[in-house]
Amino acid sequence: MQGIQYVTNEKGQRVAVIIDLKKYGELWEDFYDTLTARLRANEPRETLDSVKKRLRKQGKLDG
């Protein structure tokens, strides 16, 4: 596939990939966003109201 290169280890197993970002930049962004969401799936949640209260207290949000 043009624009995709695999990096292999000494056994010939694929261990990484090089992606042409000019050609596949948007696809990479989607992949990266999905990966980030999966990695953060088990992080503690905070409600929007608690975030707003905290930002107001810190003077970073009006109202």
N, C-alpha and C. Protein backbone atom coordinates (compact mmCIF):
# COMPACT_ATOMS: atom_id res chain seq x y z
N MET A 1 0.85 -1.17 0.00
CA MET A 1 0.00 0.00 0.00
C MET A 1 0.90 1.24 0.00
N GLN A 2 0.66 2.14 -0.90
CA GLN A 2 1.46 3.35 -0.98
C GLN A 2 1.19 4.24 0.23
N GLY A 3 2.26 4.81 0.77
CA GLY A 3 2.12 5.71 1.90
C GLY A 3 2.16 5.01 3.25
N ILE A 4 2.29 3.68 3.23
CA ILE A 4 2.36 2.89 4.47
C ILE A 4 3.60 2.02 4.40
N GLN A 5 4.42 2.10 5.44
CA GLN A 5 5.61 1.25 5.52
C GLN A 5 5.62 0.57 6.89
N TYR A 6 5.93 -0.70 6.91
CA TYR A 6 6.01 -1.43 8.16
C TYR A 6 7.46 -1.53 8.61
N VAL A 7 7.65 -1.44 9.90
CA VAL A 7 8.95 -1.65 10.52
C VAL A 7 8.89 -3.04 11.14
N THR A 8 9.88 -3.85 10.84
CA THR A 8 9.88 -5.22 11.35
C THR A 8 11.06 -5.45 12.29
N ASN A 9 10.89 -6.44 13.15
CA ASN A 9 11.99 -6.82 14.05
C ASN A 9 12.88 -7.85 13.37
N GLU A 10 13.82 -8.41 14.13
CA GLU A 10 14.76 -9.36 13.54
C GLU A 10 14.09 -10.64 13.06
N LYS A 11 12.90 -10.94 13.59
CA LYS A 11 12.16 -12.14 13.18
C LYS A 11 11.24 -11.87 11.99
N GLY A 12 11.24 -10.63 11.51
CA GLY A 12 10.37 -10.27 10.39
C GLY A 12 8.95 -9.94 10.80
N GLN A 13 8.71 -9.82 12.10
CA GLN A 13 7.37 -9.48 12.60
C GLN A 13 7.17 -7.97 12.55
N ARG A 14 5.99 -7.55 12.14
CA ARG A 14 5.67 -6.13 12.10
C ARG A 14 5.55 -5.60 13.53
N VAL A 15 6.29 -4.54 13.81
CA VAL A 15 6.27 -3.97 15.16
C VAL A 15 5.88 -2.50 15.17
N ALA A 16 5.88 -1.88 14.02
CA ALA A 16 5.53 -0.46 13.93
C ALA A 16 5.14 -0.15 12.49
N VAL A 17 4.61 1.06 12.32
CA VAL A 17 4.20 1.47 10.98
C VAL A 17 4.58 2.94 10.77
N ILE A 18 4.96 3.25 9.56
CA ILE A 18 5.24 4.63 9.17
C ILE A 18 4.14 5.03 8.19
N ILE A 19 3.47 6.13 8.51
CA ILE A 19 2.33 6.57 7.70
C ILE A 19 2.64 7.91 7.07
N ASP A 20 2.39 8.03 5.78
CA ASP A 20 2.54 9.30 5.06
C ASP A 20 1.39 10.21 5.50
N LEU A 21 1.72 11.21 6.32
CA LEU A 21 0.67 12.08 6.86
C LEU A 21 0.07 13.01 5.82
N LYS A 22 0.81 13.28 4.76
CA LYS A 22 0.22 14.10 3.69
C LYS A 22 -0.91 13.33 3.02
N LYS A 23 -0.74 12.03 2.93
CA LYS A 23 -1.74 11.20 2.26
C LYS A 23 -2.83 10.72 3.23
N TYR A 24 -2.43 10.37 4.45
CA TYR A 24 -3.36 9.75 5.39
C TYR A 24 -3.50 10.52 6.71
N GLY A 25 -3.25 11.82 6.67
CA GLY A 25 -3.29 12.63 7.89
C GLY A 25 -4.62 12.59 8.60
N GLU A 26 -5.72 12.69 7.86
CA GLU A 26 -7.04 12.67 8.49
C GLU A 26 -7.34 11.31 9.12
N LEU A 27 -6.95 10.26 8.44
CA LEU A 27 -7.15 8.92 8.97
C LEU A 27 -6.34 8.73 10.25
N TRP A 28 -5.10 9.23 10.26
CA TRP A 28 -4.27 9.14 11.45
C TRP A 28 -4.92 9.88 12.62
N GLU A 29 -5.48 11.06 12.38
CA GLU A 29 -6.14 11.81 13.45
C GLU A 29 -7.29 11.01 14.04
N ASP A 30 -8.08 10.36 13.21
CA ASP A 30 -9.18 9.52 13.69
C ASP A 30 -8.65 8.37 14.53
N PHE A 31 -7.61 7.71 14.05
CA PHE A 31 -7.00 6.60 14.78
C PHE A 31 -6.47 7.08 16.13
N TYR A 32 -5.78 8.20 16.14
CA TYR A 32 -5.19 8.74 17.36
C TYR A 32 -6.28 9.11 18.37
N ASP A 33 -7.35 9.75 17.89
CA ASP A 33 -8.46 10.11 18.78
C ASP A 33 -9.10 8.87 19.40
N THR A 34 -9.29 7.84 18.61
CA THR A 34 -9.89 6.60 19.12
C THR A 34 -8.97 5.94 20.15
N LEU A 35 -7.70 5.89 19.86
CA LEU A 35 -6.74 5.31 20.79
C LEU A 35 -6.71 6.09 22.11
N THR A 36 -6.70 7.41 22.02
CA THR A 36 -6.70 8.24 23.23
C THR A 36 -7.95 7.99 24.06
N ALA A 37 -9.10 7.92 23.41
CA ALA A 37 -10.36 7.66 24.13
C ALA A 37 -10.31 6.30 24.84
N ARG A 38 -9.79 5.29 24.17
CA ARG A 38 -9.70 3.96 24.79
C ARG A 38 -8.75 3.96 25.98
N LEU A 39 -7.64 4.66 25.86
CA LEU A 39 -6.68 4.70 26.96
C LEU A 39 -7.25 5.44 28.17
N ARG A 40 -8.15 6.38 27.93
CA ARG A 40 -8.74 7.16 29.02
C ARG A 40 -10.07 6.62 29.52
N ALA A 41 -10.50 5.51 28.98
CA ALA A 41 -11.84 4.97 29.29
C ALA A 41 -12.04 4.71 30.78
N ASN A 42 -11.01 4.34 31.50
CA ASN A 42 -11.15 4.01 32.92
C ASN A 42 -10.74 5.13 33.86
N GLU A 43 -10.45 6.30 33.31
CA GLU A 43 -10.09 7.42 34.16
C GLU A 43 -11.33 7.92 34.89
N PRO A 44 -11.15 8.50 36.07
CA PRO A 44 -12.30 9.03 36.82
C PRO A 44 -13.02 10.12 36.03
N ARG A 45 -14.33 10.16 36.20
CA ARG A 45 -15.15 11.16 35.51
C ARG A 45 -15.44 12.34 36.44
N GLU A 46 -15.71 13.47 35.82
CA GLU A 46 -16.09 14.67 36.56
C GLU A 46 -17.26 15.31 35.82
N THR A 47 -18.26 15.73 36.57
CA THR A 47 -19.43 16.33 35.92
C THR A 47 -19.09 17.72 35.40
N LEU A 48 -19.87 18.15 34.44
CA LEU A 48 -19.67 19.48 33.88
C LEU A 48 -19.87 20.55 34.96
N ASP A 49 -20.86 20.35 35.81
CA ASP A 49 -21.10 21.32 36.88
C ASP A 49 -19.91 21.45 37.82
N SER A 50 -19.29 20.33 38.18
CA SER A 50 -18.13 20.41 39.09
C SER A 50 -16.94 21.08 38.40
N VAL A 51 -16.78 20.86 37.11
CA VAL A 51 -15.70 21.53 36.36
C VAL A 51 -15.95 23.03 36.34
N LYS A 52 -17.19 23.43 36.06
CA LYS A 52 -17.52 24.86 36.03
C LYS A 52 -17.27 25.50 37.39
N LYS A 53 -17.68 24.83 38.47
CA LYS A 53 -17.47 25.38 39.82
C LYS A 53 -15.98 25.56 40.11
N ARG A 54 -15.20 24.55 39.75
CA ARG A 54 -13.76 24.63 39.99
C ARG A 54 -13.13 25.76 39.19
N LEU A 55 -13.53 25.92 37.92
CA LEU A 55 -12.96 26.98 37.09
C LEU A 55 -13.39 28.36 37.58
N ARG A 56 -14.62 28.49 38.04
CA ARG A 56 -15.07 29.77 38.61
C ARG A 56 -14.25 30.12 39.85
N LYS A 57 -14.04 29.13 40.71
CA LYS A 57 -13.28 29.33 41.94
C LYS A 57 -11.86 29.77 41.62
N GLN A 58 -11.29 29.25 40.54
CA GLN A 58 -9.93 29.60 40.13
C GLN A 58 -9.89 30.92 39.33
N GLY A 59 -11.06 31.51 39.09
CA GLY A 59 -11.12 32.75 38.33
C GLY A 59 -10.92 32.57 36.83
N LYS A 60 -11.10 31.35 36.34
CA LYS A 60 -10.89 31.06 34.92
C LYS A 60 -12.19 31.02 34.12
N LEU A 61 -13.32 31.23 34.82
CA LEU A 61 -14.62 31.19 34.14
C LEU A 61 -15.52 32.23 34.78
N ASP A 62 -16.12 33.05 33.93
CA ASP A 62 -17.04 34.08 34.44
C ASP A 62 -18.41 33.46 34.72
N GLY A 63 -19.12 34.11 35.63
CA GLY A 63 -20.52 33.72 35.85
C GLY A 63 -20.64 32.83 36.99
